Amino acid sequence: MNKFDNVLEQLRPDSSVSYVAFVDMNSGMKLASVGMPKDSDALIDCSIRVMRAELKTINLLEVNDDVLDILITTDDEYQLLYPCRGMKDIFIYHCCES
């Protein structure tokens, strides 16, 4: 059993959660995932771009703090990007219906 599997199952408690993935920003790959999005490669690519842009912005503004999370809200869903503490460049992508 993958070390991420237990966390993935805890993050997907019901059918409103459509997709959860651990993402490595350096490689651009998902390390583990659960759910079946329409295009997981595009979701992963876009979420990496959003996370990198946020980190770059914080660096440019010289904010001495960490990103706790990024929430993207649309009419149909919520998307949460959550950096993993203690795992550099790894974040959780969590998508659920609104």
PDB file of N, CA and C in Angstrom:
ATOM      1  N   MET A   1       0.839  -1.192   0.000  1.00  0.00           N
ATOM      2  CA  MET A   1       0.000   0.000   0.000  1.00  0.00           C
ATOM      3  C   MET A   1       0.879   1.248   0.000  1.00  0.00           C
ATOM      4  N   ASN A   2       0.620   2.155  -0.920  1.00  0.00           N
ATOM      5  CA  ASN A   2       1.330   3.404  -1.060  1.00  0.00           C
ATOM      6  C   ASN A   2       1.127   4.261   0.192  1.00  0.00           C
ATOM      7  N   LYS A   3       2.144   5.027   0.582  1.00  0.00           N
ATOM      8  CA  LYS A   3       2.022   5.855   1.788  1.00  0.00           C
ATOM      9  C   LYS A   3       0.969   6.952   1.647  1.00  0.00           C
ATOM     10  N   PHE A   4       0.595   7.272   0.424  1.00  0.00           N
ATOM     11  CA  PHE A   4      -0.420   8.295   0.198  1.00  0.00           C
ATOM     12  C   PHE A   4      -1.839   7.739   0.215  1.00  0.00           C
ATOM     13  N   ASP A   5      -2.006   6.445   0.033  1.00  0.00           N
ATOM     14  CA  ASP A   5      -3.332   5.844  -0.117  1.00  0.00           C
ATOM     15  C   ASP A   5      -4.262   6.113   1.059  1.00  0.00           C
ATOM     16  N   ASN A   6      -3.759   5.987   2.263  1.00  0.00           N
ATOM     17  CA  ASN A   6      -4.591   6.212   3.443  1.00  0.00           C
ATOM     18  C   ASN A   6      -5.092   7.653   3.496  1.00  0.00           C
ATOM     19  N   VAL A   7      -4.212   8.599   3.195  1.00  0.00           N
ATOM     20  CA  VAL A   7      -4.604  10.011   3.198  1.00  0.00           C
ATOM     21  C   VAL A   7      -5.615  10.281   2.092  1.00  0.00           C
ATOM     22  N   LEU A   8      -5.399   9.708   0.928  1.00  0.00           N
ATOM     23  CA  LEU A   8      -6.337   9.906  -0.181  1.00  0.00           C
ATOM     24  C   LEU A   8      -7.736   9.443   0.183  1.00  0.00           C
ATOM     25  N   GLU A   9      -7.835   8.310   0.808  1.00  0.00           N
ATOM     26  CA  GLU A   9      -9.150   7.788   1.190  1.00  0.00           C
ATOM     27  C   GLU A   9      -9.816   8.664   2.249  1.00  0.00           C
ATOM     28  N   GLN A  10      -9.032   9.233   3.147  1.00  0.00           N
ATOM     29  CA  GLN A  10      -9.593  10.127   4.169  1.00  0.00           C
ATOM     30  C   GLN A  10     -10.076  11.434   3.560  1.00  0.00           C
ATOM     31  N   LEU A  11      -9.427  11.883   2.491  1.00  0.00           N
ATOM     32  CA  LEU A  11      -9.811  13.129   1.838  1.00  0.00           C
ATOM     33  C   LEU A  11     -10.978  12.978   0.878  1.00  0.00           C
ATOM     34  N   ARG A  12     -11.385  11.737   0.643  1.00  0.00           N
ATOM     35  CA  ARG A  12     -12.514  11.489  -0.257  1.00  0.00           C
ATOM     36  C   ARG A  12     -13.622  10.747   0.494  1.00  0.00           C
ATOM     37  N   PRO A  13     -14.264  11.431   1.444  1.00  0.00           N
ATOM     38  CA  PRO A  13     -15.242  10.769   2.298  1.00  0.00           C
ATOM     39  C   PRO A  13     -16.572  10.451   1.630  1.00  0.00           C
ATOM     40  N   ASP A  14     -16.930  11.181   0.563  1.00  0.00           N
ATOM     41  CA  ASP A  14     -18.219  10.929  -0.087  1.00  0.00           C
ATOM     42  C   ASP A  14     -18.145  11.248  -1.576  1.00  0.00           C
ATOM     43  N   SER A  15     -19.265  11.106  -2.244  1.00  0.00           N
ATOM     44  CA  SER A  15     -19.289  11.261  -3.694  1.00  0.00           C
ATOM     45  C   SER A  15     -19.167  12.710  -4.172  1.00  0.00           C
ATOM     46  N   SER A  16     -19.261  13.696  -3.274  1.00  0.00           N
ATOM     47  CA  SER A  16     -19.108  15.088  -3.702  1.00  0.00           C
ATOM     48  C   SER A  16     -17.656  15.411  -4.051  1.00  0.00           C
ATOM     49  N   VAL A  17     -16.718  14.614  -3.555  1.00  0.00           N
ATOM     50  CA  VAL A  17     -15.300  14.809  -3.870  1.00  0.00           C
ATOM     51  C   VAL A  17     -15.004  14.036  -5.156  1.00  0.00           C
ATOM     52  N   SER A  18     -14.711  14.770  -6.215  1.00  0.00           N
ATOM     53  CA  SER A  18     -14.528  14.111  -7.506  1.00  0.00           C
ATOM     54  C   SER A  18     -13.091  13.678  -7.766  1.00  0.00           C
ATOM     55  N   TYR A  19     -12.112  14.347  -7.136  1.00  0.00           N
ATOM     56  CA  TYR A  19     -10.715  14.020  -7.437  1.00  0.00           C
ATOM     57  C   TYR A  19      -9.805  14.533  -6.329  1.00  0.00           C
ATOM     58  N   VAL A  20      -8.837  13.710  -5.951  1.00  0.00           N
ATOM     59  CA  VAL A  20      -7.803  14.093  -4.990  1.00  0.00           C
ATOM     60  C   VAL A  20      -6.488  13.538  -5.511  1.00  0.00           C
ATOM     61  N   ALA A  21      -5.432  14.366  -5.464  1.00  0.00           N
ATOM     62  CA  ALA A  21      -4.130  13.899  -5.945  1.00  0.00           C
ATOM     63  C   ALA A  21      -3.005  14.535  -5.144  1.00  0.00           C
ATOM     64  N   PHE A  22      -1.939  13.787  -4.970  1.00  0.00           N
ATOM     65  CA  PHE A  22      -0.680  14.332  -4.481  1.00  0.00           C
ATOM     66  C   PHE A  22       0.133  14.687  -5.718  1.00  0.00           C
ATOM     67  N   VAL A  23       0.642  15.918  -5.768  1.00  0.00           N
ATOM     68  CA  VAL A  23       1.320  16.422  -6.956  1.00  0.00           C
ATOM     69  C   VAL A  23       2.732  16.876  -6.597  1.00  0.00           C
ATOM     70  N   ASP A  24       3.691  16.515  -7.436  1.00  0.00           N
ATOM     71  CA  ASP A  24       5.080  16.952  -7.294  1.00  0.00           C
ATOM     72  C   ASP A  24       5.314  18.101  -8.270  1.00  0.00           C
ATOM     73  N   MET A  25       5.561  19.299  -7.742  1.00  0.00           N
ATOM     74  CA  MET A  25       5.750  20.460  -8.604  1.00  0.00           C
ATOM     75  C   MET A  25       7.018  20.367  -9.444  1.00  0.00           C
ATOM     76  N   ASN A  26       8.070  19.711  -8.932  1.00  0.00           N
ATOM     77  CA  ASN A  26       9.325  19.616  -9.688  1.00  0.00           C
ATOM     78  C   ASN A  26       9.189  18.747 -10.927  1.00  0.00           C
ATOM     79  N   SER A  27       8.610  17.586 -10.773  1.00  0.00           N
ATOM     80  CA  SER A  27       8.488  16.661 -11.903  1.00  0.00           C
ATOM     81  C   SER A  27       7.249  16.937 -12.744  1.00  0.00           C
ATOM     82  N   GLY A  28       6.264  17.628 -12.149  1.00  0.00           N
ATOM     83  CA  GLY A  28       5.013  17.873 -12.854  1.00  0.00           C
ATOM     84  C   GLY A  28       4.103  16.659 -12.894  1.00  0.00           C
ATOM     85  N   MET A  29       4.373  15.706 -12.019  1.00  0.00           N
ATOM     86  CA  MET A  29       3.606  14.458 -12.042  1.00  0.00           C
ATOM     87  C   MET A  29       2.757  14.307 -10.791  1.00  0.00           C
ATOM     88  N   LYS A  30       1.661  13.571 -10.955  1.00  0.00           N
ATOM     89  CA  LYS A  30       0.893  13.181  -9.777  1.00  0.00           C
ATOM     90  C   LYS A  30       1.559  11.947  -9.188  1.00  0.00           C
ATOM     91  N   LEU A  31       1.690  11.940  -7.874  1.00  0.00           N
ATOM     92  CA  LEU A  31       2.330  10.823  -7.190  1.00  0.00           C
ATOM     93  C   LEU A  31       1.329   9.738  -6.843  1.00  0.00           C
ATOM     94  N   ALA A  32       0.100  10.161  -6.573  1.00  0.00           N
ATOM     95  CA  ALA A  32      -0.985   9.242  -6.247  1.00  0.00           C
ATOM     96  C   ALA A  32      -2.283  10.011  -6.426  1.00  0.00           C
ATOM     97  N   SER A  33      -3.353   9.304  -6.768  1.00  0.00           N
ATOM     98  CA  SER A  33      -4.632   9.993  -6.934  1.00  0.00           C
ATOM     99  C   SER A  33      -5.777   9.024  -6.748  1.00  0.00           C
ATOM    100  N   VAL A  34      -6.955   9.599  -6.507  1.00  0.00           N
ATOM    101  CA  VAL A  34      -8.190   8.833  -6.431  1.00  0.00           C
ATOM    102  C   VAL A  34      -9.273   9.685  -7.088  1.00  0.00           C
ATOM    103  N   GLY A  35     -10.119   9.045  -7.884  1.00  0.00           N
ATOM    104  CA  GLY A  35     -11.164   9.759  -8.613  1.00  0.00           C
ATOM    105  C   GLY A  35     -10.849   9.774 -10.098  1.00  0.00           C
ATOM    106  N   MET A  36     -11.825  10.157 -10.865  1.00  0.00           N
ATOM    107  CA  MET A  36     -11.678  10.144 -12.319  1.00  0.00           C
ATOM    108  C   MET A  36     -12.121  11.483 -12.904  1.00  0.00           C
ATOM    109  N   PRO A  37     -11.218  12.471 -12.977  1.00  0.00           N
ATOM    110  CA  PRO A  37     -11.594  13.741 -13.606  1.00  0.00           C
ATOM    111  C   PRO A  37     -11.639  13.603 -15.123  1.00  0.00           C
ATOM    112  N   LYS A  38     -12.189  14.611 -15.769  1.00  0.00           N
ATOM    113  CA  LYS A  38     -12.279  14.585 -17.231  1.00  0.00           C
ATOM    114  C   LYS A  38     -10.894  14.547 -17.873  1.00  0.00           C
ATOM    115  N   ASP A  39      -9.991  15.387 -17.391  1.00  0.00           N
ATOM    116  CA  ASP A  39      -8.636  15.440 -17.941  1.00  0.00           C
ATOM    117  C   ASP A  39      -7.651  15.708 -16.808  1.00  0.00           C
ATOM    118  N   SER A  40      -7.181  14.662 -16.176  1.00  0.00           N
ATOM    119  CA  SER A  40      -6.310  14.826 -15.011  1.00  0.00           C
ATOM    120  C   SER A  40      -4.983  15.486 -15.365  1.00  0.00           C
ATOM    121  N   ASP A  41      -4.457  15.227 -16.555  1.00  0.00           N
ATOM    122  CA  ASP A  41      -3.191  15.858 -16.942  1.00  0.00           C
ATOM    123  C   ASP A  41      -3.316  17.373 -17.003  1.00  0.00           C
ATOM    124  N   ALA A  42      -4.402  17.864 -17.566  1.00  0.00           N
ATOM    125  CA  ALA A  42      -4.628  19.310 -17.635  1.00  0.00           C
ATOM    126  C   ALA A  42      -4.837  19.898 -16.247  1.00  0.00           C
ATOM    127  N   LEU A  43      -5.596  19.200 -15.404  1.00  0.00           N
ATOM    128  CA  LEU A  43      -5.805  19.674 -14.028  1.00  0.00           C
ATOM    129  C   LEU A  43      -4.492  19.780 -13.271  1.00  0.00           C
ATOM    130  N   ILE A  44      -3.660  18.767 -13.384  1.00  0.00           N
ATOM    131  CA  ILE A  44      -2.379  18.763 -12.692  1.00  0.00           C
ATOM    132  C   ILE A  44      -1.495  19.887 -13.212  1.00  0.00           C
ATOM    133  N   ASP A  45      -1.408  20.033 -14.539  1.00  0.00           N
ATOM    134  CA  ASP A  45      -0.588  21.082 -15.136  1.00  0.00           C
ATOM    135  C   ASP A  45      -1.036  22.466 -14.680  1.00  0.00           C
ATOM    136  N   CYS A  46      -2.319  22.722 -14.722  1.00  0.00           N
ATOM    137  CA  CYS A  46      -2.845  24.028 -14.328  1.00  0.00           C
ATOM    138  C   CYS A  46      -2.668  24.293 -12.835  1.00  0.00           C
ATOM    139  N   SER A  47      -2.869  23.277 -12.020  1.00  0.00           N
ATOM    140  CA  SER A  47      -2.702  23.479 -10.576  1.00  0.00           C
ATOM    141  C   SER A  47      -1.243  23.760 -10.230  1.00  0.00           C
ATOM    142  N   ILE A  48      -0.312  23.153 -10.939  1.00  0.00           N
ATOM    143  CA  ILE A  48       1.110  23.451 -10.729  1.00  0.00           C
ATOM    144  C   ILE A  48       1.404  24.896 -11.105  1.00  0.00           C
ATOM    145  N   ARG A  49       0.832  25.360 -12.207  1.00  0.00           N
ATOM    146  CA  ARG A  49       1.042  26.756 -12.618  1.00  0.00           C
ATOM    147  C   ARG A  49       0.501  27.735 -11.585  1.00  0.00           C
ATOM    148  N   VAL A  50      -0.676  27.435 -11.045  1.00  0.00           N
ATOM    149  CA  VAL A  50      -1.269  28.300 -10.024  1.00  0.00           C
ATOM    150  C   VAL A  50      -0.385  28.326  -8.771  1.00  0.00           C
ATOM    151  N   MET A  51       0.064  27.162  -8.336  1.00  0.00           N
ATOM    152  CA  MET A  51       0.895  27.083  -7.137  1.00  0.00           C
ATOM    153  C   MET A  51       2.220  27.819  -7.342  1.00  0.00           C
ATOM    154  N   ARG A  52       2.855  27.619  -8.481  1.00  0.00           N
ATOM    155  CA  ARG A  52       4.120  28.316  -8.761  1.00  0.00           C
ATOM    156  C   ARG A  52       3.925  29.824  -8.816  1.00  0.00           C
ATOM    157  N   ALA A  53       2.819  30.281  -9.420  1.00  0.00           N
ATOM    158  CA  ALA A  53       2.543  31.719  -9.495  1.00  0.00           C
ATOM    159  C   ALA A  53       2.353  32.310  -8.103  1.00  0.00           C
ATOM    160  N   GLU A  54       1.650  31.589  -7.236  1.00  0.00           N
ATOM    161  CA  GLU A  54       1.442  32.067  -5.868  1.00  0.00           C
ATOM    162  C   GLU A  54       2.771  32.150  -5.115  1.00  0.00           C
ATOM    163  N   LEU A  55       3.590  31.135  -5.232  1.00  0.00           N
ATOM    164  CA  LEU A  55       4.892  31.133  -4.557  1.00  0.00           C
ATOM    165  C   LEU A  55       5.786  32.239  -5.097  1.00  0.00           C
ATOM    166  N   LYS A  56       5.758  32.463  -6.408  1.00  0.00           N
ATOM    167  CA  LYS A  56       6.549  33.541  -7.014  1.00  0.00           C
ATOM    168  C   LYS A  56       6.079  34.902  -6.527  1.00  0.00           C
ATOM    169  N   THR A  57       4.760  35.082  -6.449  1.00  0.00           N
ATOM    170  CA  THR A  57       4.194  36.350  -5.979  1.00  0.00           C
ATOM    171  C   THR A  57       4.609  36.641  -4.539  1.00  0.00           C
ATOM    172  N   ILE A  58       4.519  35.646  -3.686  1.00  0.00           N
ATOM    173  CA  ILE A  58       4.919  35.826  -2.287  1.00  0.00           C
ATOM    174  C   ILE A  58       6.396  36.182  -2.197  1.00  0.00           C
ATOM    175  N   ASN A  59       7.204  35.548  -3.026  1.00  0.00           N
ATOM    176  CA  ASN A  59       8.634  35.831  -3.039  1.00  0.00           C
ATOM    177  C   ASN A  59       8.902  37.256  -3.525  1.00  0.00           C
ATOM    178  N   LEU A  60       8.244  37.676  -4.613  1.00  0.00           N
ATOM    179  CA  LEU A  60       8.431  39.020  -5.154  1.00  0.00           C
ATOM    180  C   LEU A  60       7.988  40.107  -4.174  1.00  0.00           C
ATOM    181  N   LEU A  61       6.928  39.834  -3.434  1.00  0.00           N
ATOM    182  CA  LEU A  61       6.429  40.797  -2.446  1.00  0.00           C
ATOM    183  C   LEU A  61       7.220  40.746  -1.143  1.00  0.00           C
ATOM    184  N   GLU A  62       8.180  39.820  -1.083  1.00  0.00           N
ATOM    185  CA  GLU A  62       9.032  39.642   0.093  1.00  0.00           C
ATOM    186  C   GLU A  62       8.214  39.375   1.356  1.00  0.00           C
ATOM    187  N   VAL A  63       7.173  38.571   1.196  1.00  0.00           N
ATOM    188  CA  VAL A  63       6.364  38.161   2.334  1.00  0.00           C
ATOM    189  C   VAL A  63       7.079  36.999   3.003  1.00  0.00           C
ATOM    190  N   ASN A  64       7.360  37.150   4.268  1.00  0.00           N
ATOM    191  CA  ASN A  64       8.081  36.116   5.002  1.00  0.00           C
ATOM    192  C   ASN A  64       7.079  35.150   5.630  1.00  0.00           C
ATOM    193  N   ASP A  65       6.433  34.368   4.779  1.00  0.00           N
ATOM    194  CA  ASP A  65       5.405  33.450   5.244  1.00  0.00           C
ATOM    195  C   ASP A  65       5.233  32.329   4.227  1.00  0.00           C
ATOM    196  N   ASP A  66       4.478  31.312   4.598  1.00  0.00           N
ATOM    197  CA  ASP A  66       4.215  30.179   3.717  1.00  0.00           C
ATOM    198  C   ASP A  66       2.800  30.247   3.165  1.00  0.00           C
ATOM    199  N   VAL A  67       2.591  29.605   2.033  1.00  0.00           N
ATOM    200  CA  VAL A  67       1.239  29.442   1.490  1.00  0.00           C
ATOM    201  C   VAL A  67       0.567  28.331   2.287  1.00  0.00           C
ATOM    202  N   LEU A  68      -0.567  28.629   2.886  1.00  0.00           N
ATOM    203  CA  LEU A  68      -1.309  27.602   3.614  1.00  0.00           C
ATOM    204  C   LEU A  68      -2.209  26.815   2.685  1.00  0.00           C
ATOM    205  N   ASP A  69      -2.899  27.529   1.793  1.00  0.00           N
ATOM    206  CA  ASP A  69      -3.744  26.876   0.805  1.00  0.00           C
ATOM    207  C   ASP A  69      -4.167  27.890  -0.234  1.00  0.00           C
ATOM    208  N   ILE A  70      -4.678  27.384  -1.338  1.00  0.00           N
ATOM    209  CA  ILE A  70      -5.241  28.211  -2.396  1.00  0.00           C
ATOM    210  C   ILE A  70      -6.601  27.613  -2.729  1.00  0.00           C
ATOM    211  N   LEU A  71      -7.634  28.432  -2.674  1.00  0.00           N
ATOM    212  CA  LEU A  71      -8.985  27.972  -2.979  1.00  0.00           C
ATOM    213  C   LEU A  71      -9.460  28.620  -4.271  1.00  0.00           C
ATOM    214  N   ILE A  72      -9.886  27.783  -5.204  1.00  0.00           N
ATOM    215  CA  ILE A  72     -10.450  28.245  -6.473  1.00  0.00           C
ATOM    216  C   ILE A  72     -11.912  27.820  -6.475  1.00  0.00           C
ATOM    217  N   THR A  73     -12.805  28.793  -6.604  1.00  0.00           N
ATOM    218  CA  THR A  73     -14.233  28.519  -6.547  1.00  0.00           C
ATOM    219  C   THR A  73     -14.882  28.860  -7.880  1.00  0.00           C
ATOM    220  N   THR A  74     -15.640  27.912  -8.423  1.00  0.00           N
ATOM    221  CA  THR A  74     -16.429  28.158  -9.632  1.00  0.00           C
ATOM    222  C   THR A  74     -17.892  27.883  -9.295  1.00  0.00           C
ATOM    223  N   ASP A  75     -18.761  28.042 -10.268  1.00  0.00           N
ATOM    224  CA  ASP A  75     -20.179  27.768 -10.038  1.00  0.00           C
ATOM    225  C   ASP A  75     -20.425  26.309  -9.669  1.00  0.00           C
ATOM    226  N   ASP A  76     -19.617  25.406 -10.226  1.00  0.00           N
ATOM    227  CA  ASP A  76     -19.865  23.975 -10.061  1.00  0.00           C
ATOM    228  C   ASP A  76     -18.966  23.250  -9.074  1.00  0.00           C
ATOM    229  N   GLU A  77     -17.798  23.837  -8.773  1.00  0.00           N
ATOM    230  CA  GLU A  77     -16.878  23.097  -7.910  1.00  0.00           C
ATOM    231  C   GLU A  77     -15.933  23.989  -7.128  1.00  0.00           C
ATOM    232  N   TYR A  78     -15.334  23.383  -6.124  1.00  0.00           N
ATOM    233  CA  TYR A  78     -14.271  23.983  -5.338  1.00  0.00           C
ATOM    234  C   TYR A  78     -12.996  23.202  -5.624  1.00  0.00           C
ATOM    235  N   GLN A  79     -11.897  23.919  -5.794  1.00  0.00           N
ATOM    236  CA  GLN A  79     -10.607  23.281  -5.972  1.00  0.00           C
ATOM    237  C   GLN A  79      -9.668  23.837  -4.908  1.00  0.00           C
ATOM    238  N   LEU A  80      -9.064  22.964  -4.153  1.00  0.00           N
ATOM    239  CA  LEU A  80      -8.168  23.358  -3.077  1.00  0.00           C
ATOM    240  C   LEU A  80      -6.773  22.843  -3.377  1.00  0.00           C
ATOM    241  N   LEU A  81      -5.799  23.736  -3.325  1.00  0.00           N
ATOM    242  CA  LEU A  81      -4.391  23.380  -3.457  1.00  0.00           C
ATOM    243  C   LEU A  81      -3.775  23.566  -2.081  1.00  0.00           C
ATOM    244  N   TYR A  82      -3.203  22.507  -1.555  1.00  0.00           N
ATOM    245  CA  TYR A  82      -2.727  22.526  -0.175  1.00  0.00           C
ATOM    246  C   TYR A  82      -1.303  21.969  -0.102  1.00  0.00           C
ATOM    247  N   PRO A  83      -0.295  22.846   0.118  1.00  0.00           N
ATOM    248  CA  PRO A  83       1.084  22.368   0.222  1.00  0.00           C
ATOM    249  C   PRO A  83       1.246  21.422   1.415  1.00  0.00           C
ATOM    250  N   CYS A  84       1.977  20.350   1.209  1.00  0.00           N
ATOM    251  CA  CYS A  84       2.231  19.376   2.279  1.00  0.00           C
ATOM    252  C   CYS A  84       3.382  19.859   3.144  1.00  0.00           C
ATOM    253  N   ARG A  85       3.146  19.974   4.416  1.00  0.00           N
ATOM    254  CA  ARG A  85       4.191  20.385   5.350  1.00  0.00           C
ATOM    255  C   ARG A  85       5.212  19.262   5.475  1.00  0.00           C
ATOM    256  N   GLY A  86       6.477  19.613   5.412  1.00  0.00           N
ATOM    257  CA  GLY A  86       7.529  18.622   5.564  1.00  0.00           C
ATOM    258  C   GLY A  86       7.835  17.833   4.305  1.00  0.00           C
ATOM    259  N   MET A  87       7.140  18.143   3.217  1.00  0.00           N
ATOM    260  CA  MET A  87       7.391  17.462   1.935  1.00  0.00           C
ATOM    261  C   MET A  87       7.555  18.546   0.878  1.00  0.00           C
ATOM    262  N   LYS A  88       8.767  19.029   0.722  1.00  0.00           N
ATOM    263  CA  LYS A  88       9.050  20.154  -0.176  1.00  0.00           C
ATOM    264  C   LYS A  88       8.546  19.876  -1.591  1.00  0.00           C
ATOM    265  N   ASP A  89       7.863  20.861  -2.147  1.00  0.00           N
ATOM    266  CA  ASP A  89       7.356  20.852  -3.517  1.00  0.00           C
ATOM    267  C   ASP A  89       6.247  19.839  -3.791  1.00  0.00           C
ATOM    268  N   ILE A  90       5.652  19.300  -2.740  1.00  0.00           N
ATOM    269  CA  ILE A  90       4.518  18.380  -2.891  1.00  0.00           C
ATOM    270  C   ILE A  90       3.263  19.090  -2.371  1.00  0.00           C
ATOM    271  N   PHE A  91       2.183  19.006  -3.123  1.00  0.00           N
ATOM    272  CA  PHE A  91       0.924  19.560  -2.646  1.00  0.00           C
ATOM    273  C   PHE A  91      -0.231  18.625  -2.969  1.00  0.00           C
ATOM    274  N   ILE A  92      -1.330  18.850  -2.265  1.00  0.00           N
ATOM    275  CA  ILE A  92      -2.543  18.076  -2.490  1.00  0.00           C
ATOM    276  C   ILE A  92      -3.481  18.913  -3.348  1.00  0.00           C
ATOM    277  N   TYR A  93      -3.991  18.304  -4.403  1.00  0.00           N
ATOM    278  CA  TYR A  93      -5.035  18.914  -5.230  1.00  0.00           C
ATOM    279  C   TYR A  93      -6.336  18.213  -4.852  1.00  0.00           C
ATOM    280  N   HIS A  94      -7.316  18.988  -4.414  1.00  0.00           N
ATOM    281  CA  HIS A  94      -8.582  18.433  -3.914  1.00  0.00           C
ATOM    282  C   HIS A  94      -9.717  19.126  -4.652  1.00  0.00           C
ATOM    283  N   CYS A  95     -10.558  18.369  -5.321  1.00  0.00           N
ATOM    284  CA  CYS A  95     -11.651  18.938  -6.107  1.00  0.00           C
ATOM    285  C   CYS A  95     -12.971  18.321  -5.677  1.00  0.00           C
ATOM    286  N   CYS A  96     -13.959  19.177  -5.389  1.00  0.00           N
ATOM    287  CA  CYS A  96     -15.275  18.670  -5.019  1.00  0.00           C
ATOM    288  C   CYS A  96     -16.370  19.556  -5.600  1.00  0.00           C
ATOM    289  N   GLU A  97     -17.538  18.979  -5.682  1.00  0.00           N
ATOM    290  CA  GLU A  97     -18.698  19.701  -6.212  1.00  0.00           C
ATOM    291  C   GLU A  97     -19.164  20.748  -5.211  1.00  0.00           C
ATOM    292  N   SER A  98     -19.642  21.869  -5.737  1.00  0.00           N
ATOM    293  CA  SER A  98     -20.151  22.910  -4.826  1.00  0.00           C
ATOM    294  C   SER A  98     -21.614  22.717  -4.515  1.00  0.00           C
TER     295      SER A  98
END
